[in-house]
């Protein structure tokens, strides 16, 4: 990304022509880029069927492409999380939800900044205000909804999440982890509540996937 934006010193999205975000993407860059793209294409196809909007017209906010890599400190809020691009995008008023890309090891949920995104998603989902629809768990086979992914993949993710404690999430910078952990602890219910939120989501996804499988059988 940086070689392609070096002259302009802007984000990749600004260089090629940005547009208003439809979906915020929460993911882990240690996973396969090909799987990330495939997951988003599957999600876009599902949304296109649901809304009638051509899938190529949907805009996804992906941090590496959407933030200015030449000014990371400012993009992260310069010490103020409420001024970070992550927070401002989720709170933009036209973001329809969070698409979290999961592998069978649920790597995004082991990273503190993904935990931050999950926390903001839960708050927005609870508010039921505006266009925000909540969290969609995505895989390279398709979103965890009826008939979109295999039972085996959904079950593997479910098994991983059943043993995962979001308090163990890590960050490259310890102060980031401390800040995000503090935000979670300040919310009603703290870490047990946020752990329950993601486990309820995967449980719901498993039920829908299983329902789709039984329908096909």
Protein backbone atom coordinates (compact mmCIF):
# COMPACT_ATOMS: atom_id res chain seq x y z
CA UNK A 1 0.00 0.00 0.00
CA UNK A 2 2.68 2.53 0.96
CA UNK A 3 4.57 2.41 -2.36
CA UNK A 4 1.32 3.15 -4.21
CA UNK A 5 0.50 6.12 -1.94
CA UNK A 6 3.97 7.56 -1.40
CA UNK A 7 3.54 10.50 -3.77
CA UNK A 8 0.12 11.58 -2.50
CA UNK A 9 0.77 10.70 1.16
CA UNK A 10 -2.89 9.74 1.45
CA UNK A 11 -4.81 6.53 2.06
CA UNK A 12 -5.14 4.04 -0.77
CA UNK A 13 -8.92 4.63 -0.77
CA UNK A 14 -8.39 8.36 -1.27
CA UNK A 15 -5.91 7.77 -4.09
CA UNK A 16 -8.24 5.51 -6.12
CA UNK A 17 -11.44 7.34 -5.18
CA UNK A 18 -13.25 6.71 -1.91
CA UNK A 19 -16.99 6.54 -1.22
CA UNK A 20 -19.26 6.39 1.81
CA UNK A 21 -18.83 3.21 3.79
CA UNK A 22 -21.54 0.56 3.85
CA UNK A 23 -19.79 -2.04 6.02
CA UNK A 24 -16.94 -1.91 8.52
CA UNK A 25 -14.51 -4.84 8.24
CA UNK A 26 -12.94 -6.33 11.35
CA UNK A 27 -10.19 -8.82 10.57
CA UNK A 28 -6.68 -10.06 11.31
CA UNK A 29 -3.99 -9.34 8.73
CA UNK A 30 -2.10 -12.49 9.68
CA UNK A 31 -4.76 -14.47 7.84
CA UNK A 32 -4.70 -15.11 4.09
CA UNK A 33 -5.50 -12.00 2.04
CA UNK A 34 -7.16 -14.24 -0.53
CA UNK A 35 -9.49 -15.59 2.18
CA UNK A 36 -10.31 -12.05 3.32
CA UNK A 37 -11.27 -11.01 -0.21
CA UNK A 38 -13.28 -14.19 -0.73
CA UNK A 39 -15.11 -13.65 2.59
CA UNK A 40 -16.06 -10.09 1.63
CA UNK A 41 -17.19 -11.13 -1.84
CA UNK A 42 -19.47 -13.76 -0.30
CA UNK A 43 -20.83 -11.19 2.15
CA UNK A 44 -21.40 -8.65 -0.63
CA UNK A 45 -23.30 -11.22 -2.68
CA UNK A 46 -25.52 -11.98 0.31
CA UNK A 47 -26.17 -8.28 0.92
CA UNK A 48 -26.92 -7.72 -2.75
CA UNK A 49 -29.57 -10.44 -2.63
CA UNK A 50 -31.02 -8.93 0.56
CA UNK A 51 -31.04 -5.28 -0.52
CA UNK A 52 -31.06 -5.34 -4.31
CA UNK A 53 -27.90 -3.21 -4.44
CA UNK A 54 -25.34 -4.56 -6.95
CA UNK A 55 -22.60 -6.25 -4.93
CA UNK A 56 -19.87 -4.29 -6.68
CA UNK A 57 -21.44 -1.04 -5.47
CA UNK A 58 -21.10 -1.91 -1.77
CA UNK A 59 -18.24 -0.12 0.01
CA UNK A 60 -16.21 -1.87 2.71
CA UNK A 61 -13.92 -0.05 5.15
CA UNK A 62 -10.72 -2.07 5.49
CA UNK A 63 -8.16 -0.38 7.74
CA UNK A 64 -5.02 -0.94 5.64
CA UNK A 65 -6.64 0.61 2.59
CA UNK A 66 -8.86 3.19 4.30
CA UNK A 67 -6.48 4.83 6.76
CA UNK A 68 -3.55 7.04 5.81
CA UNK A 69 -0.50 4.82 6.31
CA UNK A 70 1.65 7.95 6.34
CA UNK A 71 -0.11 9.33 9.39
CA UNK A 72 -0.89 6.32 11.58
CA UNK A 73 -0.80 8.21 14.89
CA UNK A 74 -3.54 10.62 13.81
CA UNK A 75 -5.60 7.82 12.27
CA UNK A 76 -5.49 6.02 15.63
CA UNK A 77 -6.72 9.16 17.39
CA UNK A 78 -3.41 10.53 18.69
CA UNK A 79 -4.20 9.02 22.09
CA UNK A 80 -7.95 9.71 21.91
CA UNK A 81 -9.82 6.57 20.82
CA UNK A 82 -12.96 8.59 20.09
CA UNK A 83 -11.00 10.44 17.39
CA UNK A 84 -9.70 7.24 15.77
CA UNK A 85 -10.75 6.37 12.23
CA UNK A 86 -12.06 3.03 13.50
CA UNK A 87 -14.49 4.68 15.93
CA UNK A 88 -15.51 7.48 13.56
CA UNK A 89 -16.27 5.04 10.74
CA UNK A 90 -18.46 2.84 12.91
CA UNK A 91 -20.22 5.96 14.22
CA UNK A 92 -20.54 7.64 10.81
CA UNK A 93 -24.30 7.17 10.64
CA UNK A 94 -24.27 5.34 7.31
CA UNK A 95 -22.29 2.25 8.29
CA UNK A 96 -24.72 -0.68 8.07
CA UNK A 97 -22.80 -3.07 10.29
CA UNK A 98 -19.57 -4.90 11.05
CA UNK A 99 -18.38 -7.79 8.91
CA UNK A 100 -15.92 -9.77 11.04
CA UNK A 101 -13.81 -12.20 9.04
CA UNK A 102 -13.13 -15.36 10.99
CA UNK A 103 -10.86 -18.34 10.35
CA UNK A 104 -11.31 -21.56 12.33
CA UNK A 105 -8.92 -20.21 14.99
CA UNK A 106 -10.89 -16.94 15.37
CA UNK A 107 -7.69 -14.92 15.14
CA UNK A 108 -9.37 -11.47 15.05
CA UNK A 109 -10.75 -12.11 18.54
CA UNK A 110 -7.21 -12.54 19.83
CA UNK A 111 -6.31 -8.94 18.88
CA UNK A 112 -7.15 -5.97 21.10
CA UNK A 113 -8.15 -3.57 18.32
CA UNK A 114 -10.60 -6.16 16.96
CA UNK A 115 -11.97 -6.37 20.51
CA UNK A 116 -12.39 -2.57 20.43
CA UNK A 117 -14.34 -2.89 17.17
CA UNK A 118 -16.46 -5.66 18.66
CA UNK A 119 -17.23 -3.52 21.72
CA UNK A 120 -18.36 -0.57 19.59
CA UNK A 121 -20.41 -2.94 17.44
CA UNK A 122 -22.22 -4.32 20.49
CA UNK A 123 -22.98 -0.81 21.73
CA UNK A 124 -24.34 0.27 18.33
CA UNK A 125 -26.35 -2.92 17.93
CA UNK A 126 -27.93 -2.40 21.34
CA UNK A 127 -28.84 1.21 20.48
CA UNK A 128 -30.99 0.07 17.52
CA UNK A 129 -30.63 3.55 16.09
CA UNK A 130 -30.10 4.42 12.44
CA UNK A 131 -29.01 2.01 9.70
CA UNK A 132 -26.61 -0.08 11.78
CA UNK A 133 -27.74 -3.72 11.71
CA UNK A 134 -25.05 -5.29 13.90
CA UNK A 135 -22.41 -7.99 13.56
CA UNK A 136 -22.09 -10.53 10.76
CA UNK A 137 -19.55 -13.32 11.15
CA UNK A 138 -17.94 -14.08 7.80
CA UNK A 139 -15.83 -16.95 6.48
CA UNK A 140 -14.25 -17.69 3.12
CA UNK A 141 -17.14 -20.09 2.48
CA UNK A 142 -19.72 -17.44 3.26
CA UNK A 143 -21.35 -15.64 6.22
CA UNK A 144 -22.52 -17.76 9.15
CA UNK A 145 -26.13 -17.67 8.07
CA UNK A 146 -28.51 -20.26 6.72
CA UNK A 147 -26.98 -22.26 3.87
CA UNK A 148 -23.99 -19.95 3.35
CA UNK A 149 -21.19 -22.01 4.91
CA UNK A 150 -20.50 -25.60 5.88
CA UNK A 151 -21.51 -27.13 9.19
CA UNK A 152 -17.90 -28.28 9.74
CA UNK A 153 -16.45 -24.76 9.46
CA UNK A 154 -19.16 -23.27 11.67
CA UNK A 155 -18.66 -26.01 14.27
CA UNK A 156 -14.87 -25.51 14.28
CA UNK A 157 -15.28 -21.79 14.90
CA UNK A 158 -17.86 -22.48 17.59
CA UNK A 159 -15.52 -24.88 19.38
CA UNK A 160 -12.72 -22.30 19.30
CA UNK A 161 -14.94 -19.53 20.66
CA UNK A 162 -16.25 -21.72 23.45
CA UNK A 163 -12.74 -21.79 24.90
CA UNK A 164 -11.73 -18.23 24.01
CA UNK A 165 -11.54 -15.44 26.60
CA UNK A 166 -11.48 -11.99 25.01
CA UNK A 167 -9.54 -10.66 27.99
CA UNK A 168 -6.54 -12.57 26.60
CA UNK A 169 -6.52 -10.46 23.40
CA UNK A 170 -3.15 -8.87 22.68
CA UNK A 171 -1.90 -5.68 21.05
CA UNK A 172 1.44 -4.67 19.57
CA UNK A 173 1.45 -1.72 21.98
CA UNK A 174 0.69 -2.54 25.62
CA UNK A 175 -0.93 0.84 26.23
CA UNK A 176 -3.48 0.04 23.49
CA UNK A 177 -4.42 -3.21 25.23
CA UNK A 178 -4.67 -1.45 28.59
CA UNK A 179 -6.93 1.23 27.11
CA UNK A 180 -9.23 -1.26 25.35
CA UNK A 181 -9.42 -3.60 28.34
CA UNK A 182 -10.37 -0.59 30.44
CA UNK A 183 -13.21 0.31 28.06
CA UNK A 184 -14.58 -3.22 28.23
CA UNK A 185 -14.38 -3.27 32.02
CA UNK A 186 -16.29 0.02 32.18
CA UNK A 187 -19.23 -1.38 30.20
CA UNK A 188 -22.08 -3.10 32.02
CA UNK A 189 -21.09 -6.71 32.59
CA UNK A 190 -17.46 -6.21 31.53
CA UNK A 191 -15.63 -9.10 29.91
CA UNK A 192 -18.27 -11.73 30.79
CA UNK A 193 -20.80 -9.64 28.84
CA UNK A 194 -18.63 -9.18 25.75
CA UNK A 195 -17.68 -12.88 25.82
CA UNK A 196 -21.38 -13.70 26.02
CA UNK A 197 -22.15 -11.38 23.10
CA UNK A 198 -19.78 -13.13 20.69
CA UNK A 199 -20.74 -16.61 21.91
CA UNK A 200 -24.42 -15.83 21.39
CA UNK A 201 -23.59 -14.69 17.86
CA UNK A 202 -21.77 -17.89 17.01
CA UNK A 203 -24.52 -19.98 18.63
CA UNK A 204 -27.11 -18.19 16.49
CA UNK A 205 -24.94 -18.70 13.42
CA UNK A 206 -24.57 -22.41 14.16
CA UNK A 207 -28.33 -22.81 14.51
CA UNK A 208 -28.95 -21.08 11.19
CA UNK A 209 -26.26 -23.08 9.39
CA UNK A 210 -27.64 -26.33 10.83
CA UNK A 211 -31.16 -25.28 9.82
CA UNK A 212 -30.01 -24.65 6.27
CA UNK A 213 -28.29 -28.05 6.16
CA UNK A 214 -31.40 -29.87 7.38
CA UNK A 215 -33.51 -28.05 4.80
CA UNK A 216 -31.22 -29.20 2.01
CA UNK A 217 -31.28 -32.78 3.31
